[in-house]
């Protein structure tokens, strides 16, 4: 058995989408503050953390992109959505700022030697994190899906979720809004901010695990995304 951590670190002022508030982490109290219980001195440490429900590696809840009253918030989504079978497609060759086409998705699937099954989580390795993290391009230069390639995943392949390394699933602007609308119309969602996807290329099928926080009314949630590969 091998477990691969697919989650970004959360730290003070980590890079986030410009539309979301920053991650703020500070020391609430530390070991310099001694406490006493009976005849025993002890110390502990705690952090104060403030962040968006779309911070770091996170999943979007339907209510994020669907204004209908029946759209689910993150606390209402079935836990089964976050414990699924999955595969990873290698799109690391696509250029930065590239809009990924359906033929490119089909070619990546064929090269993987896998099939996409209904309700799978499909992760898309675009080698984006390594190429841009810590630079301004991390917010602007990511490759992304189009309405057509998102539709291929949701309608043709009937995935449960897909996941990307970038802060958005589609290129900034119209593409990104259209990809979110495809998720709304076809009743599936996506994960943003993944890392280490290159470690899954060529490994075949795995178990995807990425449970969200139970945020009442949340439009999304940070997750600890993990790929579990059987030996």
C-alpha atoms as a PDB file:
ATOM      1  CA  UNK A   1       0.000   0.000   0.000  1.00  0.00           C
ATOM      2  CA  UNK A   2       1.187   3.528  -0.824  1.00  0.00           C
ATOM      3  CA  UNK A   3      -0.466   6.805   0.142  1.00  0.00           C
ATOM      4  CA  UNK A   4       0.374   9.939  -1.854  1.00  0.00           C
ATOM      5  CA  UNK A   5      -0.423  13.304  -0.322  1.00  0.00           C
ATOM      6  CA  UNK A   6      -2.087  15.517  -2.949  1.00  0.00           C
ATOM      7  CA  UNK A   7      -2.646  18.541  -0.692  1.00  0.00           C
ATOM      8  CA  UNK A   8      -0.946  21.915  -0.616  1.00  0.00           C
ATOM      9  CA  UNK A   9       0.484  23.260   2.613  1.00  0.00           C
ATOM     10  CA  UNK A  10      -1.632  25.910   4.313  1.00  0.00           C
ATOM     11  CA  UNK A  11       0.509  28.669   5.772  1.00  0.00           C
ATOM     12  CA  UNK A  12       0.322  32.403   6.452  1.00  0.00           C
ATOM     13  CA  UNK A  13      -0.351  34.317   3.221  1.00  0.00           C
ATOM     14  CA  UNK A  14      -0.238  31.233   1.009  1.00  0.00           C
ATOM     15  CA  UNK A  15      -1.176  32.082  -2.582  1.00  0.00           C
ATOM     16  CA  UNK A  16      -4.938  32.131  -3.133  1.00  0.00           C
ATOM     17  CA  UNK A  17      -7.335  33.158  -5.866  1.00  0.00           C
ATOM     18  CA  UNK A  18      -7.495  36.985  -5.850  1.00  0.00           C
ATOM     19  CA  UNK A  19     -11.276  36.863  -5.368  1.00  0.00           C
ATOM     20  CA  UNK A  20     -10.869  35.067  -2.028  1.00  0.00           C
ATOM     21  CA  UNK A  21      -9.589  36.385   1.303  1.00  0.00           C
ATOM     22  CA  UNK A  22      -6.029  35.554   2.322  1.00  0.00           C
ATOM     23  CA  UNK A  23      -4.965  32.782   4.658  1.00  0.00           C
ATOM     24  CA  UNK A  24      -4.030  34.377   7.988  1.00  0.00           C
ATOM     25  CA  UNK A  25      -2.285  32.243  10.618  1.00  0.00           C
ATOM     26  CA  UNK A  26      -0.949  33.617  13.891  1.00  0.00           C
ATOM     27  CA  UNK A  27       0.055  32.278  17.289  1.00  0.00           C
ATOM     28  CA  UNK A  28      -2.857  32.481  19.717  1.00  0.00           C
ATOM     29  CA  UNK A  29      -0.705  31.360  22.638  1.00  0.00           C
ATOM     30  CA  UNK A  30       2.587  29.504  22.876  1.00  0.00           C
ATOM     31  CA  UNK A  31       4.719  27.487  25.276  1.00  0.00           C
ATOM     32  CA  UNK A  32       6.030  30.654  26.935  1.00  0.00           C
ATOM     33  CA  UNK A  33       2.624  30.957  28.614  1.00  0.00           C
ATOM     34  CA  UNK A  34       2.725  28.582  31.569  1.00  0.00           C
ATOM     35  CA  UNK A  35      -0.381  27.158  33.194  1.00  0.00           C
ATOM     36  CA  UNK A  36      -0.729  25.395  36.495  1.00  0.00           C
ATOM     37  CA  UNK A  37      -2.995  22.543  37.558  1.00  0.00           C
ATOM     38  CA  UNK A  38      -2.531  21.570  41.187  1.00  0.00           C
ATOM     39  CA  UNK A  39       1.212  21.184  41.689  1.00  0.00           C
ATOM     40  CA  UNK A  40       1.981  20.710  38.003  1.00  0.00           C
ATOM     41  CA  UNK A  41       3.123  23.329  35.524  1.00  0.00           C
ATOM     42  CA  UNK A  42       2.362  22.761  31.859  1.00  0.00           C
ATOM     43  CA  UNK A  43       2.357  24.647  28.585  1.00  0.00           C
ATOM     44  CA  UNK A  44       0.650  24.275  25.235  1.00  0.00           C
ATOM     45  CA  UNK A  45       0.481  26.046  21.924  1.00  0.00           C
ATOM     46  CA  UNK A  46      -2.438  27.010  19.668  1.00  0.00           C
ATOM     47  CA  UNK A  47      -2.764  28.865  16.392  1.00  0.00           C
ATOM     48  CA  UNK A  48      -5.460  31.251  15.203  1.00  0.00           C
ATOM     49  CA  UNK A  49      -6.428  30.526  11.586  1.00  0.00           C
ATOM     50  CA  UNK A  50      -8.666  32.517   9.248  1.00  0.00           C
ATOM     51  CA  UNK A  51      -9.224  31.465   5.645  1.00  0.00           C
ATOM     52  CA  UNK A  52     -11.789  31.194   2.873  1.00  0.00           C
ATOM     53  CA  UNK A  53     -13.736  27.988   2.321  1.00  0.00           C
ATOM     54  CA  UNK A  54     -11.775  27.921  -0.972  1.00  0.00           C
ATOM     55  CA  UNK A  55      -8.293  28.011   0.555  1.00  0.00           C
ATOM     56  CA  UNK A  56      -5.476  25.693  -0.452  1.00  0.00           C
ATOM     57  CA  UNK A  57      -6.491  22.306  -1.807  1.00  0.00           C
ATOM     58  CA  UNK A  58     -10.277  22.516  -1.777  1.00  0.00           C
ATOM     59  CA  UNK A  59     -13.473  21.223  -3.323  1.00  0.00           C
ATOM     60  CA  UNK A  60     -16.329  23.384  -4.630  1.00  0.00           C
ATOM     61  CA  UNK A  61     -19.818  22.667  -3.327  1.00  0.00           C
ATOM     62  CA  UNK A  62     -22.714  23.003  -5.807  1.00  0.00           C
ATOM     63  CA  UNK A  63     -24.001  26.119  -4.028  1.00  0.00           C
ATOM     64  CA  UNK A  64     -20.781  27.886  -5.106  1.00  0.00           C
ATOM     65  CA  UNK A  65     -21.825  27.876  -8.773  1.00  0.00           C
ATOM     66  CA  UNK A  66     -25.545  27.089  -8.605  1.00  0.00           C
ATOM     67  CA  UNK A  67     -28.022  29.661  -7.304  1.00  0.00           C
ATOM     68  CA  UNK A  68     -31.006  27.295  -7.233  1.00  0.00           C
ATOM     69  CA  UNK A  69     -32.495  26.677  -3.762  1.00  0.00           C
ATOM     70  CA  UNK A  70     -31.823  22.952  -4.013  1.00  0.00           C
ATOM     71  CA  UNK A  71     -28.077  23.400  -4.600  1.00  0.00           C
ATOM     72  CA  UNK A  72     -26.151  21.606  -1.847  1.00  0.00           C
ATOM     73  CA  UNK A  73     -23.726  23.289   0.521  1.00  0.00           C
ATOM     74  CA  UNK A  74     -20.575  21.447   1.535  1.00  0.00           C
ATOM     75  CA  UNK A  75     -22.083  20.070   4.758  1.00  0.00           C
ATOM     76  CA  UNK A  76     -24.982  18.601   2.761  1.00  0.00           C
ATOM     77  CA  UNK A  77     -22.892  16.725   0.191  1.00  0.00           C
ATOM     78  CA  UNK A  78     -22.799  12.920   0.620  1.00  0.00           C
ATOM     79  CA  UNK A  79     -19.517  11.707   2.093  1.00  0.00           C
ATOM     80  CA  UNK A  80     -19.415   9.021  -0.601  1.00  0.00           C
ATOM     81  CA  UNK A  81     -18.488  11.787  -3.077  1.00  0.00           C
ATOM     82  CA  UNK A  82     -15.124  12.136  -1.337  1.00  0.00           C
ATOM     83  CA  UNK A  83     -14.121   8.474  -1.149  1.00  0.00           C
ATOM     84  CA  UNK A  84     -14.065   7.163  -4.694  1.00  0.00           C
ATOM     85  CA  UNK A  85     -12.158   5.255  -7.313  1.00  0.00           C
ATOM     86  CA  UNK A  86      -9.966   7.459  -9.450  1.00  0.00           C
ATOM     87  CA  UNK A  87      -7.403   7.812 -12.223  1.00  0.00           C
ATOM     88  CA  UNK A  88      -4.946  10.516 -13.238  1.00  0.00           C
ATOM     89  CA  UNK A  89      -4.538  11.750 -16.822  1.00  0.00           C
ATOM     90  CA  UNK A  90      -1.157  13.111 -17.917  1.00  0.00           C
ATOM     91  CA  UNK A  91      -1.518  16.514 -19.582  1.00  0.00           C
ATOM     92  CA  UNK A  92       1.889  17.762 -18.438  1.00  0.00           C
ATOM     93  CA  UNK A  93       2.886  18.496 -22.046  1.00  0.00           C
ATOM     94  CA  UNK A  94       0.271  21.214 -22.566  1.00  0.00           C
ATOM     95  CA  UNK A  95       1.611  24.789 -22.590  1.00  0.00           C
ATOM     96  CA  UNK A  96       0.828  27.311 -19.913  1.00  0.00           C
ATOM     97  CA  UNK A  97      -2.301  29.375 -20.633  1.00  0.00           C
ATOM     98  CA  UNK A  98      -3.598  26.553 -22.815  1.00  0.00           C
ATOM     99  CA  UNK A  99      -7.279  25.636 -23.217  1.00  0.00           C
ATOM    100  CA  UNK A 100      -7.439  21.840 -23.103  1.00  0.00           C
ATOM    101  CA  UNK A 101      -9.485  20.276 -25.895  1.00  0.00           C
ATOM    102  CA  UNK A 102     -11.559  17.094 -26.006  1.00  0.00           C
ATOM    103  CA  UNK A 103      -9.090  15.350 -28.383  1.00  0.00           C
ATOM    104  CA  UNK A 104      -6.291  16.103 -25.906  1.00  0.00           C
ATOM    105  CA  UNK A 105      -8.349  14.591 -23.082  1.00  0.00           C
ATOM    106  CA  UNK A 106      -9.128  11.533 -25.193  1.00  0.00           C
ATOM    107  CA  UNK A 107      -5.453  11.106 -26.095  1.00  0.00           C
ATOM    108  CA  UNK A 108      -4.412  11.353 -22.446  1.00  0.00           C
ATOM    109  CA  UNK A 109      -7.001   8.750 -21.493  1.00  0.00           C
ATOM    110  CA  UNK A 110      -5.818   6.392 -24.234  1.00  0.00           C
ATOM    111  CA  UNK A 111      -2.181   6.851 -23.163  1.00  0.00           C
ATOM    112  CA  UNK A 112      -3.092   6.004 -19.563  1.00  0.00           C
ATOM    113  CA  UNK A 113      -4.372   2.571 -20.548  1.00  0.00           C
ATOM    114  CA  UNK A 114      -7.311   3.143 -18.204  1.00  0.00           C
ATOM    115  CA  UNK A 115     -11.025   3.702 -18.567  1.00  0.00           C
ATOM    116  CA  UNK A 116     -13.143   6.323 -16.846  1.00  0.00           C
ATOM    117  CA  UNK A 117     -15.947   4.745 -14.868  1.00  0.00           C
ATOM    118  CA  UNK A 118     -19.127   6.469 -13.706  1.00  0.00           C
ATOM    119  CA  UNK A 119     -18.583   8.480 -10.491  1.00  0.00           C
ATOM    120  CA  UNK A 120     -14.790   8.331 -10.739  1.00  0.00           C
ATOM    121  CA  UNK A 121     -12.617  11.176  -9.530  1.00  0.00           C
ATOM    122  CA  UNK A 122     -10.405  12.122 -12.485  1.00  0.00           C
ATOM    123  CA  UNK A 123      -7.269  14.129 -11.683  1.00  0.00           C
ATOM    124  CA  UNK A 124      -5.559  16.151 -14.419  1.00  0.00           C
ATOM    125  CA  UNK A 125      -1.778  16.452 -14.163  1.00  0.00           C
ATOM    126  CA  UNK A 126      -0.703  19.582 -16.047  1.00  0.00           C
ATOM    127  CA  UNK A 127       2.627  20.065 -14.212  1.00  0.00           C
ATOM    128  CA  UNK A 128       1.370  23.528 -13.384  1.00  0.00           C
ATOM    129  CA  UNK A 129       2.288  23.751  -9.694  1.00  0.00           C
ATOM    130  CA  UNK A 130       5.971  22.970 -10.306  1.00  0.00           C
ATOM    131  CA  UNK A 131       6.193  25.451 -13.169  1.00  0.00           C
ATOM    132  CA  UNK A 132       4.615  28.465 -11.513  1.00  0.00           C
ATOM    133  CA  UNK A 133       4.154  28.174  -7.743  1.00  0.00           C
ATOM    134  CA  UNK A 134       5.540  31.182  -5.907  1.00  0.00           C
ATOM    135  CA  UNK A 135       5.366  33.376  -9.017  1.00  0.00           C
ATOM    136  CA  UNK A 136       2.658  35.787 -10.243  1.00  0.00           C
ATOM    137  CA  UNK A 137       1.915  33.281 -13.009  1.00  0.00           C
ATOM    138  CA  UNK A 138       0.401  30.923 -10.443  1.00  0.00           C
ATOM    139  CA  UNK A 139      -2.705  33.125 -10.481  1.00  0.00           C
ATOM    140  CA  UNK A 140      -2.863  33.779 -14.227  1.00  0.00           C
ATOM    141  CA  UNK A 141      -0.970  31.251 -16.351  1.00  0.00           C
ATOM    142  CA  UNK A 142      -2.654  27.916 -15.659  1.00  0.00           C
ATOM    143  CA  UNK A 143      -3.947  25.660 -18.421  1.00  0.00           C
ATOM    144  CA  UNK A 144      -7.637  24.916 -18.042  1.00  0.00           C
ATOM    145  CA  UNK A 145     -10.612  23.068 -19.416  1.00  0.00           C
ATOM    146  CA  UNK A 146     -13.130  24.455 -21.870  1.00  0.00           C
ATOM    147  CA  UNK A 147     -16.886  24.045 -21.857  1.00  0.00           C
ATOM    148  CA  UNK A 148     -16.466  21.166 -24.312  1.00  0.00           C
ATOM    149  CA  UNK A 149     -13.769  19.279 -22.388  1.00  0.00           C
ATOM    150  CA  UNK A 150     -15.657  19.731 -19.106  1.00  0.00           C
ATOM    151  CA  UNK A 151     -18.789  18.422 -20.829  1.00  0.00           C
ATOM    152  CA  UNK A 152     -16.807  15.408 -22.042  1.00  0.00           C
ATOM    153  CA  UNK A 153     -15.991  14.584 -18.412  1.00  0.00           C
ATOM    154  CA  UNK A 154     -19.448  15.248 -16.990  1.00  0.00           C
ATOM    155  CA  UNK A 155     -21.822  14.085 -19.724  1.00  0.00           C
ATOM    156  CA  UNK A 156     -19.819  11.598 -21.771  1.00  0.00           C
ATOM    157  CA  UNK A 157     -17.807  10.012 -18.946  1.00  0.00           C
ATOM    158  CA  UNK A 158     -20.186  10.756 -16.023  1.00  0.00           C
ATOM    159  CA  UNK A 159     -17.421  11.505 -13.527  1.00  0.00           C
ATOM    160  CA  UNK A 160     -18.252  12.405  -9.954  1.00  0.00           C
ATOM    161  CA  UNK A 161     -15.482  15.000  -9.709  1.00  0.00           C
ATOM    162  CA  UNK A 162     -12.345  16.102 -11.477  1.00  0.00           C
ATOM    163  CA  UNK A 163      -9.333  17.829  -9.994  1.00  0.00           C
ATOM    164  CA  UNK A 164      -6.680  20.320 -11.108  1.00  0.00           C
ATOM    165  CA  UNK A 165      -3.576  21.957  -9.641  1.00  0.00           C
ATOM    166  CA  UNK A 166      -4.676  25.489 -10.474  1.00  0.00           C
ATOM    167  CA  UNK A 167      -6.842  27.969  -8.578  1.00  0.00           C
ATOM    168  CA  UNK A 168      -9.592  27.542 -11.196  1.00  0.00           C
ATOM    169  CA  UNK A 169     -10.648  24.670 -13.477  1.00  0.00           C
ATOM    170  CA  UNK A 170     -10.912  26.800 -16.632  1.00  0.00           C
ATOM    171  CA  UNK A 171      -8.795  29.583 -18.052  1.00  0.00           C
ATOM    172  CA  UNK A 172      -9.502  32.985 -16.452  1.00  0.00           C
ATOM    173  CA  UNK A 173     -12.582  34.756 -17.739  1.00  0.00           C
ATOM    174  CA  UNK A 174     -15.281  33.216 -19.896  1.00  0.00           C
ATOM    175  CA  UNK A 175     -13.762  29.710 -19.984  1.00  0.00           C
ATOM    176  CA  UNK A 176     -13.770  29.453 -16.216  1.00  0.00           C
ATOM    177  CA  UNK A 177     -17.379  30.586 -15.881  1.00  0.00           C
ATOM    178  CA  UNK A 178     -18.438  28.118 -18.576  1.00  0.00           C
ATOM    179  CA  UNK A 179     -16.690  25.208 -16.845  1.00  0.00           C
ATOM    180  CA  UNK A 180     -18.464  26.062 -13.595  1.00  0.00           C
ATOM    181  CA  UNK A 181     -21.771  26.226 -15.481  1.00  0.00           C
ATOM    182  CA  UNK A 182     -21.128  22.772 -16.965  1.00  0.00           C
ATOM    183  CA  UNK A 183     -20.617  21.456 -13.424  1.00  0.00           C
ATOM    184  CA  UNK A 184     -23.904  23.078 -12.436  1.00  0.00           C
ATOM    185  CA  UNK A 185     -25.860  21.740 -15.389  1.00  0.00           C
ATOM    186  CA  UNK A 186     -24.448  18.200 -15.259  1.00  0.00           C
ATOM    187  CA  UNK A 187     -24.404  17.865 -11.443  1.00  0.00           C
ATOM    188  CA  UNK A 188     -20.752  17.199 -10.773  1.00  0.00           C
ATOM    189  CA  UNK A 189     -17.994  19.265  -9.187  1.00  0.00           C
ATOM    190  CA  UNK A 190     -14.238  19.778  -9.067  1.00  0.00           C
ATOM    191  CA  UNK A 191     -11.197  20.083  -6.813  1.00  0.00           C
ATOM    192  CA  UNK A 192      -8.671  22.905  -7.115  1.00  0.00           C
ATOM    193  CA  UNK A 193      -5.172  23.333  -5.706  1.00  0.00           C
ATOM    194  CA  UNK A 194      -3.851  19.766  -5.940  1.00  0.00           C
ATOM    195  CA  UNK A 195      -0.155  18.842  -5.887  1.00  0.00           C
ATOM    196  CA  UNK A 196       1.993  15.755  -6.548  1.00  0.00           C
ATOM    197  CA  UNK A 197      -0.179  14.556  -9.415  1.00  0.00           C
ATOM    198  CA  UNK A 198       2.915  13.540 -11.348  1.00  0.00           C
ATOM    199  CA  UNK A 199       3.420  10.761  -8.798  1.00  0.00           C
ATOM    200  CA  UNK A 200       0.164   9.181 -10.008  1.00  0.00           C
ATOM    201  CA  UNK A 201       0.997   9.101 -13.713  1.00  0.00           C
ATOM    202  CA  UNK A 202       1.370   5.528 -14.887  1.00  0.00           C
ATOM    203  CA  UNK A 203       0.199   4.097 -11.560  1.00  0.00           C
ATOM    204  CA  UNK A 204      -3.233   3.048 -12.803  1.00  0.00           C
ATOM    205  CA  UNK A 205      -6.345   3.128 -10.706  1.00  0.00           C
ATOM    206  CA  UNK A 206      -6.295   4.321  -7.089  1.00  0.00           C
ATOM    207  CA  UNK A 207      -8.629   5.168  -4.246  1.00  0.00           C
ATOM    208  CA  UNK A 208      -9.179   8.917  -3.922  1.00  0.00           C
ATOM    209  CA  UNK A 209      -9.827  10.269  -0.417  1.00  0.00           C
ATOM    210  CA  UNK A 210     -10.554  13.946   0.226  1.00  0.00           C
ATOM    211  CA  UNK A 211     -13.075  14.672   2.958  1.00  0.00           C
ATOM    212  CA  UNK A 212     -14.188  18.301   3.481  1.00  0.00           C
ATOM    213  CA  UNK A 213     -14.725  20.191   6.707  1.00  0.00           C
ATOM    214  CA  UNK A 214     -18.346  20.235   7.841  1.00  0.00           C
ATOM    215  CA  UNK A 215     -18.873  23.971   7.293  1.00  0.00           C
ATOM    216  CA  UNK A 216     -22.533  24.864   7.755  1.00  0.00           C
ATOM    217  CA  UNK A 217     -23.686  26.458   4.520  1.00  0.00           C
ATOM    218  CA  UNK A 218     -20.163  26.298   3.097  1.00  0.00           C
ATOM    219  CA  UNK A 219     -19.647  26.978  -0.603  1.00  0.00           C
ATOM    220  CA  UNK A 220     -16.609  24.696  -0.531  1.00  0.00           C
ATOM    221  CA  UNK A 221     -13.991  23.408   1.870  1.00  0.00           C
ATOM    222  CA  UNK A 222     -10.294  22.718   2.192  1.00  0.00           C
ATOM    223  CA  UNK A 223      -9.639  18.974   1.985  1.00  0.00           C
ATOM    224  CA  UNK A 224      -6.736  16.674   2.797  1.00  0.00           C
ATOM    225  CA  UNK A 225      -6.546  14.972  -0.586  1.00  0.00           C
ATOM    226  CA  UNK A 226      -4.847  11.579  -0.672  1.00  0.00           C
ATOM    227  CA  UNK A 227      -4.399   8.867  -3.299  1.00  0.00           C
ATOM    228  CA  UNK A 228      -4.295   5.347  -1.881  1.00  0.00           C
ATOM    229  CA  UNK A 229      -2.555   2.891  -4.188  1.00  0.00           C
ATOM    230  CA  UNK A 230      -2.736  -0.814  -3.497  1.00  0.00           C
ATOM    231  CA  UNK A 231       0.615  -2.544  -3.713  1.00  0.00           C
END
